[in-house]
Amino acid sequence: MSTSELTASSLPTSRKVLCIVYGVIAVAAIIGTWSHMGPYLHSFTDFVGTLFRDTKVTPGSRVVTVDALMLSVSVAIFMVIEARKYNVKFVWAYIAAGFFVAVGAAFPLFLIARELRMGGSETPQLRTVDTILLAMLACALAGLSGWIDFG
């Protein structure tokens, strides 16, 4: 079966679980970001100008913003390289969605598309300690996100 013919049902279980995790992250990112977008949706200038002006309010917001923007550049490079490697279509749409919707949602959706293209090749084999530490990190960051969102 060629990579262009793969479907979710033909994926190994570990890759299906990974796709589900990526999907949950994408949904959480949409909820966590867009629940605060109301004040910026009145016009394009509010979306671009006011949103980015508000990212400069405190030193902490500047740190997080610059870090997220620089991470976004690395993510975009990775996405283009991986898209070309695995023939993932519409990579620039995922990148644009990262900037205009939420990189925290667009990147996991890209990773799902990548997993579907990769199919059964190179099935990830995580060590137990990796799984535990990733789960702990996910819980800690989800808790921090909830604290930031709901206060």
N, C-alpha and C. Protein backbone atom coordinates (compact mmCIF):
# COMPACT_ATOMS: atom_id res chain seq x y z
N MET A 1 0.85 -1.17 0.00
CA MET A 1 0.00 0.00 0.00
C MET A 1 0.90 1.23 0.00
N SER A 2 0.69 2.15 -0.93
CA SER A 2 1.50 3.36 -0.98
C SER A 2 1.04 4.34 0.07
N THR A 3 1.92 5.31 0.36
CA THR A 3 1.57 6.28 1.39
C THR A 3 0.36 7.11 0.99
N SER A 4 0.11 7.27 -0.29
CA SER A 4 -1.04 8.07 -0.70
C SER A 4 -2.36 7.33 -0.51
N GLU A 5 -2.32 6.03 -0.25
CA GLU A 5 -3.53 5.24 -0.08
C GLU A 5 -3.85 4.95 1.39
N LEU A 6 -3.05 5.44 2.29
CA LEU A 6 -3.25 5.11 3.70
C LEU A 6 -4.47 5.81 4.27
N THR A 7 -5.13 5.11 5.19
CA THR A 7 -6.25 5.67 5.92
C THR A 7 -5.99 5.47 7.40
N ALA A 8 -6.80 6.10 8.22
CA ALA A 8 -6.61 5.96 9.66
C ALA A 8 -6.75 4.51 10.10
N SER A 9 -7.62 3.75 9.45
CA SER A 9 -7.83 2.37 9.86
C SER A 9 -6.61 1.49 9.58
N SER A 10 -5.73 1.91 8.67
CA SER A 10 -4.56 1.09 8.36
C SER A 10 -3.34 1.46 9.21
N LEU A 11 -3.50 2.44 10.08
CA LEU A 11 -2.38 2.85 10.94
C LEU A 11 -2.19 1.88 12.09
N PRO A 12 -0.94 1.71 12.53
CA PRO A 12 -0.70 0.94 13.75
C PRO A 12 -1.36 1.65 14.94
N THR A 13 -1.70 0.90 15.96
CA THR A 13 -2.39 1.46 17.13
C THR A 13 -1.62 2.61 17.75
N SER A 14 -0.31 2.51 17.83
CA SER A 14 0.48 3.58 18.45
C SER A 14 0.33 4.89 17.68
N ARG A 15 0.24 4.81 16.37
CA ARG A 15 0.06 6.02 15.56
C ARG A 15 -1.36 6.56 15.70
N LYS A 16 -2.35 5.68 15.84
CA LYS A 16 -3.73 6.13 16.06
C LYS A 16 -3.83 6.89 17.38
N VAL A 17 -3.20 6.35 18.42
CA VAL A 17 -3.20 7.01 19.73
C VAL A 17 -2.53 8.38 19.62
N LEU A 18 -1.42 8.44 18.91
CA LEU A 18 -0.71 9.70 18.72
C LEU A 18 -1.60 10.72 17.99
N CYS A 19 -2.33 10.27 16.99
CA CYS A 19 -3.24 11.17 16.26
C CYS A 19 -4.36 11.68 17.18
N ILE A 20 -4.86 10.81 18.05
CA ILE A 20 -5.89 11.24 19.00
C ILE A 20 -5.32 12.29 19.96
N VAL A 21 -4.12 12.05 20.45
CA VAL A 21 -3.48 13.02 21.35
C VAL A 21 -3.30 14.35 20.63
N TYR A 22 -2.82 14.32 19.39
CA TYR A 22 -2.67 15.56 18.62
C TYR A 22 -4.01 16.25 18.44
N GLY A 23 -5.06 15.49 18.19
CA GLY A 23 -6.39 16.08 18.03
C GLY A 23 -6.88 16.74 19.31
N VAL A 24 -6.65 16.11 20.44
CA VAL A 24 -7.04 16.70 21.73
C VAL A 24 -6.27 18.00 21.97
N ILE A 25 -4.99 18.01 21.65
CA ILE A 25 -4.19 19.23 21.81
C ILE A 25 -4.74 20.34 20.91
N ALA A 26 -5.10 20.01 19.67
CA ALA A 26 -5.63 21.01 18.75
C ALA A 26 -6.93 21.61 19.28
N VAL A 27 -7.83 20.78 19.78
CA VAL A 27 -9.10 21.26 20.33
C VAL A 27 -8.85 22.14 21.56
N ALA A 28 -7.97 21.70 22.44
CA ALA A 28 -7.65 22.50 23.63
C ALA A 28 -7.05 23.84 23.24
N ALA A 29 -6.21 23.85 22.21
CA ALA A 29 -5.60 25.11 21.76
C ALA A 29 -6.64 26.06 21.19
N ILE A 30 -7.57 25.55 20.43
CA ILE A 30 -8.64 26.40 19.87
C ILE A 30 -9.47 27.00 21.00
N ILE A 31 -9.87 26.16 21.94
CA ILE A 31 -10.69 26.65 23.07
C ILE A 31 -9.89 27.66 23.90
N GLY A 32 -8.66 27.32 24.21
CA GLY A 32 -7.85 28.18 25.06
C GLY A 32 -7.50 29.51 24.44
N THR A 33 -7.34 29.56 23.13
CA THR A 33 -6.99 30.82 22.48
C THR A 33 -8.21 31.62 22.08
N TRP A 34 -9.14 30.98 21.43
CA TRP A 34 -10.28 31.72 20.87
C TRP A 34 -11.31 32.12 21.92
N SER A 35 -11.23 31.57 23.11
CA SER A 35 -12.14 32.03 24.17
C SER A 35 -11.79 33.45 24.61
N HIS A 36 -10.64 33.95 24.18
CA HIS A 36 -10.20 35.31 24.53
C HIS A 36 -10.16 36.25 23.33
N MET A 37 -10.64 35.80 22.18
CA MET A 37 -10.48 36.61 20.96
C MET A 37 -11.61 37.61 20.71
N GLY A 38 -12.67 37.59 21.50
CA GLY A 38 -13.81 38.47 21.28
C GLY A 38 -13.46 39.93 21.05
N PRO A 39 -12.62 40.53 21.89
CA PRO A 39 -12.30 41.95 21.71
C PRO A 39 -11.55 42.27 20.41
N TYR A 40 -11.03 41.26 19.76
CA TYR A 40 -10.20 41.49 18.57
C TYR A 40 -10.91 41.17 17.26
N LEU A 41 -12.15 40.76 17.33
CA LEU A 41 -12.84 40.27 16.13
C LEU A 41 -13.72 41.30 15.44
N HIS A 42 -13.69 42.53 15.88
CA HIS A 42 -14.56 43.55 15.30
C HIS A 42 -14.09 43.97 13.91
N SER A 43 -12.78 43.96 13.70
CA SER A 43 -12.25 44.34 12.39
C SER A 43 -10.87 43.73 12.24
N PHE A 44 -10.37 43.74 11.02
CA PHE A 44 -9.04 43.20 10.77
C PHE A 44 -7.99 44.01 11.52
N THR A 45 -8.18 45.33 11.59
CA THR A 45 -7.20 46.15 12.30
C THR A 45 -7.21 45.85 13.80
N ASP A 46 -8.40 45.55 14.35
CA ASP A 46 -8.45 45.13 15.75
C ASP A 46 -7.71 43.82 15.93
N PHE A 47 -7.92 42.91 14.98
CA PHE A 47 -7.30 41.59 15.07
C PHE A 47 -5.78 41.71 15.04
N VAL A 48 -5.27 42.45 14.08
CA VAL A 48 -3.82 42.55 13.93
C VAL A 48 -3.23 43.60 14.87
N GLY A 49 -3.73 44.83 14.75
CA GLY A 49 -3.13 45.93 15.50
C GLY A 49 -3.32 45.83 17.00
N THR A 50 -4.55 45.69 17.43
CA THR A 50 -4.85 45.68 18.87
C THR A 50 -4.30 44.42 19.53
N LEU A 51 -4.47 43.29 18.90
CA LEU A 51 -3.97 42.04 19.48
C LEU A 51 -2.47 42.12 19.72
N PHE A 52 -1.72 42.53 18.71
CA PHE A 52 -0.28 42.57 18.88
C PHE A 52 0.16 43.72 19.80
N ARG A 53 -0.58 44.81 19.83
CA ARG A 53 -0.26 45.88 20.79
C ARG A 53 -0.44 45.34 22.21
N ASP A 54 -1.48 44.55 22.42
CA ASP A 54 -1.73 44.00 23.76
C ASP A 54 -0.66 42.99 24.19
N THR A 55 0.04 42.42 23.24
CA THR A 55 1.11 41.47 23.61
C THR A 55 2.32 42.20 24.21
N LYS A 56 2.34 43.53 24.10
CA LYS A 56 3.45 44.33 24.62
C LYS A 56 3.15 44.95 25.98
N VAL A 57 2.05 44.55 26.61
CA VAL A 57 1.60 45.21 27.84
C VAL A 57 2.58 45.03 29.00
N THR A 58 3.07 43.84 29.19
CA THR A 58 3.99 43.58 30.32
C THR A 58 5.24 42.88 29.80
N PRO A 59 6.31 42.91 30.57
CA PRO A 59 7.50 42.15 30.17
C PRO A 59 7.20 40.66 29.99
N GLY A 60 6.34 40.12 30.84
CA GLY A 60 5.98 38.70 30.72
C GLY A 60 5.27 38.41 29.41
N SER A 61 4.35 39.27 29.01
CA SER A 61 3.64 39.04 27.76
C SER A 61 4.59 39.17 26.57
N ARG A 62 5.59 40.05 26.69
CA ARG A 62 6.59 40.18 25.62
C ARG A 62 7.43 38.90 25.50
N VAL A 63 7.84 38.37 26.64
CA VAL A 63 8.65 37.14 26.65
C VAL A 63 7.88 36.01 25.97
N VAL A 64 6.64 35.81 26.38
CA VAL A 64 5.84 34.72 25.83
C VAL A 64 5.59 34.94 24.34
N THR A 65 5.31 36.18 23.94
CA THR A 65 5.03 36.47 22.53
C THR A 65 6.26 36.22 21.66
N VAL A 66 7.41 36.77 22.06
CA VAL A 66 8.62 36.58 21.25
C VAL A 66 8.98 35.10 21.19
N ASP A 67 8.86 34.40 22.31
CA ASP A 67 9.16 32.96 22.33
C ASP A 67 8.23 32.21 21.38
N ALA A 68 6.94 32.53 21.43
CA ALA A 68 5.97 31.86 20.55
C ALA A 68 6.24 32.17 19.08
N LEU A 69 6.60 33.41 18.78
CA LEU A 69 6.88 33.78 17.39
C LEU A 69 8.13 33.07 16.87
N MET A 70 9.17 33.01 17.68
CA MET A 70 10.39 32.32 17.25
C MET A 70 10.17 30.81 17.13
N LEU A 71 9.40 30.26 18.05
CA LEU A 71 9.03 28.85 17.94
C LEU A 71 8.24 28.61 16.65
N SER A 72 7.38 29.55 16.31
CA SER A 72 6.57 29.42 15.10
C SER A 72 7.43 29.36 13.84
N VAL A 73 8.54 30.09 13.82
CA VAL A 73 9.46 30.02 12.68
C VAL A 73 10.06 28.62 12.58
N SER A 74 10.51 28.08 13.71
CA SER A 74 11.07 26.72 13.71
C SER A 74 10.02 25.69 13.29
N VAL A 75 8.81 25.86 13.79
CA VAL A 75 7.71 24.96 13.45
C VAL A 75 7.42 25.02 11.96
N ALA A 76 7.41 26.22 11.39
CA ALA A 76 7.14 26.37 9.95
C ALA A 76 8.22 25.68 9.12
N ILE A 77 9.47 25.84 9.49
CA ILE A 77 10.56 25.17 8.77
C ILE A 77 10.37 23.67 8.85
N PHE A 78 10.13 23.15 10.04
CA PHE A 78 9.90 21.72 10.23
C PHE A 78 8.73 21.23 9.37
N MET A 79 7.63 22.00 9.37
CA MET A 79 6.44 21.60 8.62
C MET A 79 6.72 21.52 7.12
N VAL A 80 7.42 22.49 6.57
CA VAL A 80 7.70 22.48 5.14
C VAL A 80 8.60 21.30 4.79
N ILE A 81 9.64 21.08 5.58
CA ILE A 81 10.55 19.95 5.31
C ILE A 81 9.81 18.62 5.40
N GLU A 82 9.03 18.44 6.46
CA GLU A 82 8.29 17.19 6.64
C GLU A 82 7.19 17.03 5.58
N ALA A 83 6.56 18.12 5.20
CA ALA A 83 5.53 18.05 4.16
C ALA A 83 6.13 17.59 2.84
N ARG A 84 7.28 18.11 2.51
CA ARG A 84 7.93 17.69 1.26
C ARG A 84 8.41 16.24 1.36
N LYS A 85 8.90 15.85 2.52
CA LYS A 85 9.40 14.49 2.73
C LYS A 85 8.29 13.46 2.62
N TYR A 86 7.10 13.76 3.19
CA TYR A 86 6.00 12.80 3.24
C TYR A 86 4.84 13.17 2.33
N ASN A 87 5.02 14.17 1.49
CA ASN A 87 3.99 14.58 0.54
C ASN A 87 2.68 14.98 1.23
N VAL A 88 2.80 15.77 2.29
CA VAL A 88 1.62 16.31 2.98
C VAL A 88 1.19 17.54 2.19
N LYS A 89 -0.06 17.55 1.78
CA LYS A 89 -0.57 18.65 0.96
C LYS A 89 -0.95 19.84 1.83
N PHE A 90 -0.97 21.00 1.20
CA PHE A 90 -1.46 22.25 1.81
C PHE A 90 -0.65 22.71 3.02
N VAL A 91 0.66 22.48 3.00
CA VAL A 91 1.49 22.85 4.14
C VAL A 91 1.40 24.35 4.43
N TRP A 92 1.30 25.17 3.39
CA TRP A 92 1.24 26.62 3.62
C TRP A 92 -0.10 27.02 4.22
N ALA A 93 -1.13 26.25 4.00
CA ALA A 93 -2.42 26.52 4.66
C ALA A 93 -2.31 26.24 6.16
N TYR A 94 -1.60 25.18 6.53
CA TYR A 94 -1.38 24.89 7.95
C TYR A 94 -0.56 26.02 8.60
N ILE A 95 0.45 26.50 7.89
CA ILE A 95 1.29 27.58 8.43
C ILE A 95 0.46 28.86 8.59
N ALA A 96 -0.33 29.20 7.57
CA ALA A 96 -1.19 30.39 7.67
C ALA A 96 -2.18 30.24 8.82
N ALA A 97 -2.75 29.06 8.97
CA ALA A 97 -3.67 28.82 10.08
C ALA A 97 -2.97 29.00 11.42
N GLY A 98 -1.70 28.65 11.47
CA GLY A 98 -0.93 28.86 12.70
C GLY A 98 -0.86 30.31 13.10
N PHE A 99 -0.76 31.19 12.13
CA PHE A 99 -0.66 32.62 12.43
C PHE A 99 -2.02 33.29 12.58
N PHE A 100 -3.02 32.81 11.88
CA PHE A 100 -4.32 33.48 11.91
C PHE A 100 -5.36 32.78 12.78
N VAL A 101 -5.13 31.53 13.14
CA VAL A 101 -6.07 30.80 14.00
C VAL A 101 -5.37 30.49 15.32
N ALA A 102 -4.43 29.58 15.31
CA ALA A 102 -3.62 29.27 16.49
C ALA A 102 -2.58 28.23 16.09
N VAL A 103 -1.32 28.54 16.31
CA VAL A 103 -0.27 27.58 15.98
C VAL A 103 -0.43 26.32 16.83
N GLY A 104 -0.95 26.49 18.04
CA GLY A 104 -1.17 25.35 18.92
C GLY A 104 -2.24 24.40 18.41
N ALA A 105 -3.06 24.86 17.48
CA ALA A 105 -4.07 24.00 16.85
C ALA A 105 -3.60 23.53 15.47
N ALA A 106 -3.02 24.44 14.70
CA ALA A 106 -2.63 24.11 13.33
C ALA A 106 -1.49 23.08 13.29
N PHE A 107 -0.52 23.23 14.18
CA PHE A 107 0.61 22.30 14.17
C PHE A 107 0.18 20.86 14.49
N PRO A 108 -0.63 20.63 15.53
CA PRO A 108 -1.08 19.25 15.75
C PRO A 108 -1.90 18.69 14.58
N LEU A 109 -2.69 19.54 13.93
CA LEU A 109 -3.44 19.06 12.76
C LEU A 109 -2.49 18.67 11.62
N PHE A 110 -1.44 19.45 11.44
CA PHE A 110 -0.41 19.08 10.47
C PHE A 110 0.23 17.75 10.86
N LEU A 111 0.51 17.57 12.14
CA LEU A 111 1.13 16.33 12.60
C LEU A 111 0.22 15.12 12.35
N ILE A 112 -1.08 15.31 12.47
CA ILE A 112 -2.02 14.23 12.13
C ILE A 112 -1.90 13.90 10.65
N ALA A 113 -1.91 14.93 9.81
CA ALA A 113 -1.78 14.69 8.36
C ALA A 113 -0.46 13.99 8.05
N ARG A 114 0.58 14.38 8.73
CA ARG A 114 1.90 13.75 8.54
C ARG A 114 1.86 12.28 8.95
N GLU A 115 1.24 12.00 10.10
CA GLU A 115 1.13 10.61 10.55
C GLU A 115 0.38 9.76 9.53
N LEU A 116 -0.68 10.30 8.97
CA LEU A 116 -1.45 9.55 7.96
C LEU A 116 -0.62 9.27 6.72
N ARG A 117 0.27 10.18 6.37
CA ARG A 117 1.14 9.97 5.21
C ARG A 117 2.28 9.00 5.52
N MET A 118 2.73 9.00 6.77
CA MET A 118 3.83 8.12 7.15
C MET A 118 3.39 6.67 7.24
N GLY A 119 2.15 6.45 7.61
CA GLY A 119 1.61 5.09 7.69
C GLY A 119 2.34 4.24 8.70
N GLY A 120 2.71 3.04 8.31
CA GLY A 120 3.32 2.08 9.21
C GLY A 120 4.82 2.23 9.34
N SER A 121 5.42 3.14 8.58
CA SER A 121 6.87 3.28 8.64
C SER A 121 7.30 3.94 9.94
N GLU A 122 8.45 3.55 10.41
CA GLU A 122 9.07 4.18 11.56
C GLU A 122 8.12 4.35 12.75
N THR A 123 7.43 3.29 13.14
CA THR A 123 6.52 3.37 14.28
C THR A 123 7.31 3.78 15.52
N PRO A 124 6.86 4.85 16.18
CA PRO A 124 7.63 5.35 17.34
C PRO A 124 7.66 4.35 18.48
N GLN A 125 8.82 4.22 19.08
CA GLN A 125 9.00 3.34 20.23
C GLN A 125 9.51 4.18 21.38
N LEU A 126 8.60 4.67 22.21
CA LEU A 126 8.99 5.48 23.36
C LEU A 126 9.36 4.58 24.52
N ARG A 127 10.34 5.02 25.28
CA ARG A 127 10.66 4.33 26.52
C ARG A 127 9.61 4.69 27.55
N THR A 128 9.46 3.88 28.56
CA THR A 128 8.47 4.13 29.61
C THR A 128 8.70 5.49 30.27
N VAL A 129 9.94 5.83 30.52
CA VAL A 129 10.25 7.11 31.14
C VAL A 129 9.83 8.27 30.24
N ASP A 130 9.97 8.10 28.91
CA ASP A 130 9.53 9.15 27.98
C ASP A 130 8.03 9.36 28.09
N THR A 131 7.29 8.27 28.11
CA THR A 131 5.83 8.34 28.20
C THR A 131 5.40 9.01 29.50
N ILE A 132 6.03 8.64 30.60
CA ILE A 132 5.68 9.22 31.91
C ILE A 132 6.01 10.71 31.92
N LEU A 133 7.20 11.08 31.46
CA LEU A 133 7.59 12.49 31.48
C LEU A 133 6.74 13.33 30.53
N LEU A 134 6.40 12.79 29.36
CA LEU A 134 5.51 13.52 28.44
C LEU A 134 4.12 13.71 29.05
N ALA A 135 3.62 12.69 29.71
CA ALA A 135 2.31 12.80 30.36
C ALA A 135 2.35 13.83 31.48
N MET A 136 3.42 13.83 32.27
CA MET A 136 3.56 14.81 33.34
C MET A 136 3.65 16.23 32.76
N LEU A 137 4.42 16.39 31.70
CA LEU A 137 4.56 17.69 31.05
C LEU A 137 3.21 18.17 30.51
N ALA A 138 2.49 17.27 29.86
CA ALA A 138 1.18 17.63 29.30
C ALA A 138 0.22 18.05 30.40
N CYS A 139 0.21 17.32 31.50
CA CYS A 139 -0.67 17.68 32.62
C CYS A 139 -0.28 19.03 33.22
N ALA A 140 1.01 19.25 33.40
CA ALA A 140 1.47 20.51 33.98
C ALA A 140 1.13 21.69 33.08
N LEU A 141 1.36 21.54 31.78
CA LEU A 141 1.08 22.64 30.85
C LEU A 141 -0.42 22.84 30.66
N ALA A 142 -1.19 21.78 30.70
CA ALA A 142 -2.65 21.92 30.64
C ALA A 142 -3.15 22.65 31.88
N GLY A 143 -2.61 22.31 33.04
CA GLY A 143 -2.98 23.00 34.26
C GLY A 143 -2.61 24.48 34.22
N LEU A 144 -1.41 24.78 33.74
CA LEU A 144 -0.98 26.17 33.61
C LEU A 144 -1.86 26.92 32.61
N SER A 145 -2.20 26.27 31.51
CA SER A 145 -3.10 26.90 30.52
C SER A 145 -4.46 27.18 31.13
N GLY A 146 -4.99 26.23 31.89
CA GLY A 146 -6.27 26.44 32.56
C GLY A 146 -6.20 27.57 33.56
N TRP A 147 -5.10 27.65 34.31
CA TRP A 147 -4.93 28.72 35.27
C TRP A 147 -4.88 30.08 34.56
N ILE A 148 -4.18 30.15 33.42
CA ILE A 148 -4.11 31.40 32.65
C ILE A 148 -5.48 31.73 32.07
N ASP A 149 -6.17 30.74 31.51
CA ASP A 149 -7.46 30.98 30.87
C ASP A 149 -8.57 31.32 31.85
N PHE A 150 -8.62 30.60 32.95
CA PHE A 150 -9.79 30.70 33.84
C PHE A 150 -9.46 31.34 35.18
N GLY A 151 -8.20 31.70 35.36
CA GLY A 151 -7.75 32.41 36.40
C GLY A 151 -7.58 32.39 37.76
